[in-house]
Amino acid sequence: MKCKENVTPERLKHLKRTIPLNARRELLQDIRFVPEWMHSIFKELAEET
């Protein structure tokens, strides 16, 4: 899937910088609604920097 290829380490760093930690942690509440390949990305974003 094309989307996975666009989620680079640099993109994740950018998202961690721009999205507040509490908002990133809320992603875990919605994890059941996203494709399985995004689960690890959501979990990584929810971690502290």
PDB file of N, CA and C in Angstrom:
ATOM      1  N   MET A   1       0.845  -1.187   0.000  1.00  0.00           N
ATOM      2  CA  MET A   1       0.000   0.000   0.000  1.00  0.00           C
ATOM      3  C   MET A   1       0.885   1.244   0.000  1.00  0.00           C
ATOM      4  N   LYS A   2       0.588   2.193  -0.804  1.00  0.00           N
ATOM      5  CA  LYS A   2       1.380   3.401  -0.985  1.00  0.00           C
ATOM      6  C   LYS A   2       1.533   4.211   0.304  1.00  0.00           C
ATOM      7  N   CYS A   3       0.491   4.284   1.112  1.00  0.00           N
ATOM      8  CA  CYS A   3       0.515   5.109   2.320  1.00  0.00           C
ATOM      9  C   CYS A   3       1.624   4.708   3.275  1.00  0.00           C
ATOM     10  N   LYS A   4       1.870   3.418   3.433  1.00  0.00           N
ATOM     11  CA  LYS A   4       2.917   2.953   4.349  1.00  0.00           C
ATOM     12  C   LYS A   4       4.275   3.518   3.965  1.00  0.00           C
ATOM     13  N   GLU A   5       4.524   3.577   2.693  1.00  0.00           N
ATOM     14  CA  GLU A   5       5.817   4.059   2.221  1.00  0.00           C
ATOM     15  C   GLU A   5       6.044   5.520   2.564  1.00  0.00           C
ATOM     16  N   ASN A   6       4.984   6.270   2.753  1.00  0.00           N
ATOM     17  CA  ASN A   6       5.105   7.696   3.055  1.00  0.00           C
ATOM     18  C   ASN A   6       5.273   7.986   4.535  1.00  0.00           C
ATOM     19  N   VAL A   7       5.148   6.978   5.372  1.00  0.00           N
ATOM     20  CA  VAL A   7       5.312   7.173   6.811  1.00  0.00           C
ATOM     21  C   VAL A   7       6.773   6.888   7.155  1.00  0.00           C
ATOM     22  N   THR A   8       7.589   7.887   6.964  1.00  0.00           N
ATOM     23  CA  THR A   8       9.025   7.768   7.194  1.00  0.00           C
ATOM     24  C   THR A   8       9.354   8.150   8.635  1.00  0.00           C
ATOM     25  N   PRO A   9      10.534   7.795   9.109  1.00  0.00           N
ATOM     26  CA  PRO A   9      10.947   8.242  10.442  1.00  0.00           C
ATOM     27  C   PRO A   9      10.909   9.766  10.583  1.00  0.00           C
ATOM     28  N   GLU A  10      11.250  10.458   9.526  1.00  0.00           N
ATOM     29  CA  GLU A  10      11.203  11.921   9.555  1.00  0.00           C
ATOM     30  C   GLU A  10       9.772  12.423   9.714  1.00  0.00           C
ATOM     31  N   ARG A  11       8.835  11.773   9.040  1.00  0.00           N
ATOM     32  CA  ARG A  11       7.416  12.143   9.150  1.00  0.00           C
ATOM     33  C   ARG A  11       6.922  11.911  10.578  1.00  0.00           C
ATOM     34  N   LEU A  12       7.305  10.781  11.178  1.00  0.00           N
ATOM     35  CA  LEU A  12       6.908  10.492  12.554  1.00  0.00           C
ATOM     36  C   LEU A  12       7.481  11.524  13.520  1.00  0.00           C
ATOM     37  N   LYS A  13       8.731  11.908  13.328  1.00  0.00           N
ATOM     38  CA  LYS A  13       9.341  12.940  14.172  1.00  0.00           C
ATOM     39  C   LYS A  13       8.577  14.256  14.048  1.00  0.00           C
ATOM     40  N   HIS A  14       8.214  14.605  12.825  1.00  0.00           N
ATOM     41  CA  HIS A  14       7.454  15.832  12.592  1.00  0.00           C
ATOM     42  C   HIS A  14       6.110  15.785  13.324  1.00  0.00           C
ATOM     43  N   LEU A  15       5.412  14.660  13.218  1.00  0.00           N
ATOM     44  CA  LEU A  15       4.117  14.517  13.881  1.00  0.00           C
ATOM     45  C   LEU A  15       4.266  14.589  15.395  1.00  0.00           C
ATOM     46  N   LYS A  16       5.316  13.980  15.924  1.00  0.00           N
ATOM     47  CA  LYS A  16       5.542  14.033  17.366  1.00  0.00           C
ATOM     48  C   LYS A  16       5.831  15.457  17.835  1.00  0.00           C
ATOM     49  N   ARG A  17       6.489  16.238  16.995  1.00  0.00           N
ATOM     50  CA  ARG A  17       6.779  17.633  17.350  1.00  0.00           C
ATOM     51  C   ARG A  17       5.541  18.513  17.280  1.00  0.00           C
ATOM     52  N   THR A  18       4.666  18.240  16.334  1.00  0.00           N
ATOM     53  CA  THR A  18       3.552  19.159  16.082  1.00  0.00           C
ATOM     54  C   THR A  18       2.239  18.773  16.763  1.00  0.00           C
ATOM     55  N   ILE A  19       2.086  17.512  17.134  1.00  0.00           N
ATOM     56  CA  ILE A  19       0.854  17.072  17.800  1.00  0.00           C
ATOM     57  C   ILE A  19       1.162  16.929  19.288  1.00  0.00           C
ATOM     58  N   PRO A  20       0.391  17.597  20.149  1.00  0.00           N
ATOM     59  CA  PRO A  20       0.636  17.486  21.592  1.00  0.00           C
ATOM     60  C   PRO A  20       0.519  16.037  22.074  1.00  0.00           C
ATOM     61  N   LEU A  21       1.280  15.707  23.115  1.00  0.00           N
ATOM     62  CA  LEU A  21       1.312  14.337  23.633  1.00  0.00           C
ATOM     63  C   LEU A  21      -0.077  13.825  24.002  1.00  0.00           C
ATOM     64  N   ASN A  22      -0.881  14.654  24.653  1.00  0.00           N
ATOM     65  CA  ASN A  22      -2.219  14.180  25.044  1.00  0.00           C
ATOM     66  C   ASN A  22      -3.068  13.831  23.824  1.00  0.00           C
ATOM     67  N   ALA A  23      -2.940  14.582  22.744  1.00  0.00           N
ATOM     68  CA  ALA A  23      -3.687  14.287  21.516  1.00  0.00           C
ATOM     69  C   ALA A  23      -3.155  13.010  20.867  1.00  0.00           C
ATOM     70  N   ARG A  24      -1.830  12.825  20.921  1.00  0.00           N
ATOM     71  CA  ARG A  24      -1.249  11.604  20.349  1.00  0.00           C
ATOM     72  C   ARG A  24      -1.688  10.377  21.142  1.00  0.00           C
ATOM     73  N   ARG A  25      -1.815  10.507  22.446  1.00  0.00           N
ATOM     74  CA  ARG A  25      -2.271   9.380  23.272  1.00  0.00           C
ATOM     75  C   ARG A  25      -3.727   9.033  22.975  1.00  0.00           C
ATOM     76  N   GLU A  26      -4.507  10.016  22.594  1.00  0.00           N
ATOM     77  CA  GLU A  26      -5.908   9.762  22.241  1.00  0.00           C
ATOM     78  C   GLU A  26      -6.032   8.883  21.002  1.00  0.00           C
ATOM     79  N   LEU A  27      -4.991   8.839  20.191  1.00  0.00           N
ATOM     80  CA  LEU A  27      -5.008   7.984  19.008  1.00  0.00           C
ATOM     81  C   LEU A  27      -5.239   6.522  19.391  1.00  0.00           C
ATOM     82  N   LEU A  28      -4.742   6.128  20.560  1.00  0.00           N
ATOM     83  CA  LEU A  28      -4.890   4.740  20.991  1.00  0.00           C
ATOM     84  C   LEU A  28      -6.359   4.375  21.201  1.00  0.00           C
ATOM     85  N   GLN A  29      -7.184   5.359  21.527  1.00  0.00           N
ATOM     86  CA  GLN A  29      -8.609   5.104  21.702  1.00  0.00           C
ATOM     87  C   GLN A  29      -9.279   4.786  20.367  1.00  0.00           C
ATOM     88  N   ASP A  30      -8.694   5.266  19.287  1.00  0.00           N
ATOM     89  CA  ASP A  30      -9.271   5.079  17.957  1.00  0.00           C
ATOM     90  C   ASP A  30      -8.569   3.995  17.144  1.00  0.00           C
ATOM     91  N   ILE A  31      -7.643   3.288  17.765  1.00  0.00           N
ATOM     92  CA  ILE A  31      -6.814   2.337  17.023  1.00  0.00           C
ATOM     93  C   ILE A  31      -7.647   1.251  16.341  1.00  0.00           C
ATOM     94  N   ARG A  32      -8.776   0.917  16.905  1.00  0.00           N
ATOM     95  CA  ARG A  32      -9.607  -0.149  16.313  1.00  0.00           C
ATOM     96  C   ARG A  32     -10.258   0.273  14.991  1.00  0.00           C
ATOM     97  N   PHE A  33     -10.226   1.571  14.698  1.00  0.00           N
ATOM     98  CA  PHE A  33     -10.865   2.072  13.482  1.00  0.00           C
ATOM     99  C   PHE A  33      -9.906   2.212  12.299  1.00  0.00           C
ATOM    100  N   VAL A  34      -8.626   1.995  12.532  1.00  0.00           N
ATOM    101  CA  VAL A  34      -7.643   2.183  11.464  1.00  0.00           C
ATOM    102  C   VAL A  34      -7.159   0.827  10.951  1.00  0.00           C
ATOM    103  N   PRO A  35      -6.628   0.782   9.739  1.00  0.00           N
ATOM    104  CA  PRO A  35      -6.095  -0.480   9.212  1.00  0.00           C
ATOM    105  C   PRO A  35      -4.985  -1.017  10.128  1.00  0.00           C
ATOM    106  N   GLU A  36      -4.838  -2.322  10.129  1.00  0.00           N
ATOM    107  CA  GLU A  36      -3.879  -2.966  11.030  1.00  0.00           C
ATOM    108  C   GLU A  36      -2.453  -2.458  10.834  1.00  0.00           C
ATOM    109  N   TRP A  37      -2.074  -2.130   9.602  1.00  0.00           N
ATOM    110  CA  TRP A  37      -0.707  -1.672   9.368  1.00  0.00           C
ATOM    111  C   TRP A  37      -0.420  -0.344  10.060  1.00  0.00           C
ATOM    112  N   MET A  38      -1.465   0.391  10.451  1.00  0.00           N
ATOM    113  CA  MET A  38      -1.269   1.668  11.130  1.00  0.00           C
ATOM    114  C   MET A  38      -1.158   1.531  12.646  1.00  0.00           C
ATOM    115  N   HIS A  39      -1.451   0.374  13.207  1.00  0.00           N
ATOM    116  CA  HIS A  39      -1.430   0.188  14.655  1.00  0.00           C
ATOM    117  C   HIS A  39      -0.069   0.537  15.253  1.00  0.00           C
ATOM    118  N   SER A  40       0.981   0.024  14.670  1.00  0.00           N
ATOM    119  CA  SER A  40       2.310   0.300  15.222  1.00  0.00           C
ATOM    120  C   SER A  40       2.661   1.783  15.123  1.00  0.00           C
ATOM    121  N   ILE A  41       2.175   2.438  14.099  1.00  0.00           N
ATOM    122  CA  ILE A  41       2.419   3.870  13.931  1.00  0.00           C
ATOM    123  C   ILE A  41       1.685   4.642  15.027  1.00  0.00           C
ATOM    124  N   PHE A  42       0.423   4.309  15.268  1.00  0.00           N
ATOM    125  CA  PHE A  42      -0.338   4.969  16.319  1.00  0.00           C
ATOM    126  C   PHE A  42       0.330   4.754  17.676  1.00  0.00           C
ATOM    127  N   LYS A  43       0.790   3.531  17.929  1.00  0.00           N
ATOM    128  CA  LYS A  43       1.437   3.237  19.208  1.00  0.00           C
ATOM    129  C   LYS A  43       2.733   4.026  19.357  1.00  0.00           C
ATOM    130  N   GLU A  44       3.486   4.121  18.291  1.00  0.00           N
ATOM    131  CA  GLU A  44       4.734   4.887  18.344  1.00  0.00           C
ATOM    132  C   GLU A  44       4.462   6.366  18.587  1.00  0.00           C
ATOM    133  N   LEU A  45       3.456   6.910  17.942  1.00  0.00           N
ATOM    134  CA  LEU A  45       3.117   8.312  18.135  1.00  0.00           C
ATOM    135  C   LEU A  45       2.651   8.588  19.571  1.00  0.00           C
ATOM    136  N   ALA A  46       2.012   7.615  20.188  1.00  0.00           N
ATOM    137  CA  ALA A  46       1.478   7.799  21.540  1.00  0.00           C
ATOM    138  C   ALA A  46       2.581   7.771  22.601  1.00  0.00           C
ATOM    139  N   GLU A  47       3.762   7.306  22.246  1.00  0.00           N
ATOM    140  CA  GLU A  47       4.877   7.273  23.192  1.00  0.00           C
ATOM    141  C   GLU A  47       5.427   8.675  23.398  1.00  0.00           C
ATOM    142  N   GLU A  48       6.032   8.876  24.560  1.00  0.00           N
ATOM    143  CA  GLU A  48       6.698  10.159  24.806  1.00  0.00           C
ATOM    144  C   GLU A  48       7.933  10.232  23.923  1.00  0.00           C
ATOM    145  N   THR A  49       8.375  11.433  23.627  1.00  0.00           N
ATOM    146  CA  THR A  49       9.509  11.615  22.727  1.00  0.00           C
ATOM    147  C   THR A  49      10.829  11.219  23.294  1.00  0.00           C
TER     148      THR A  49
END
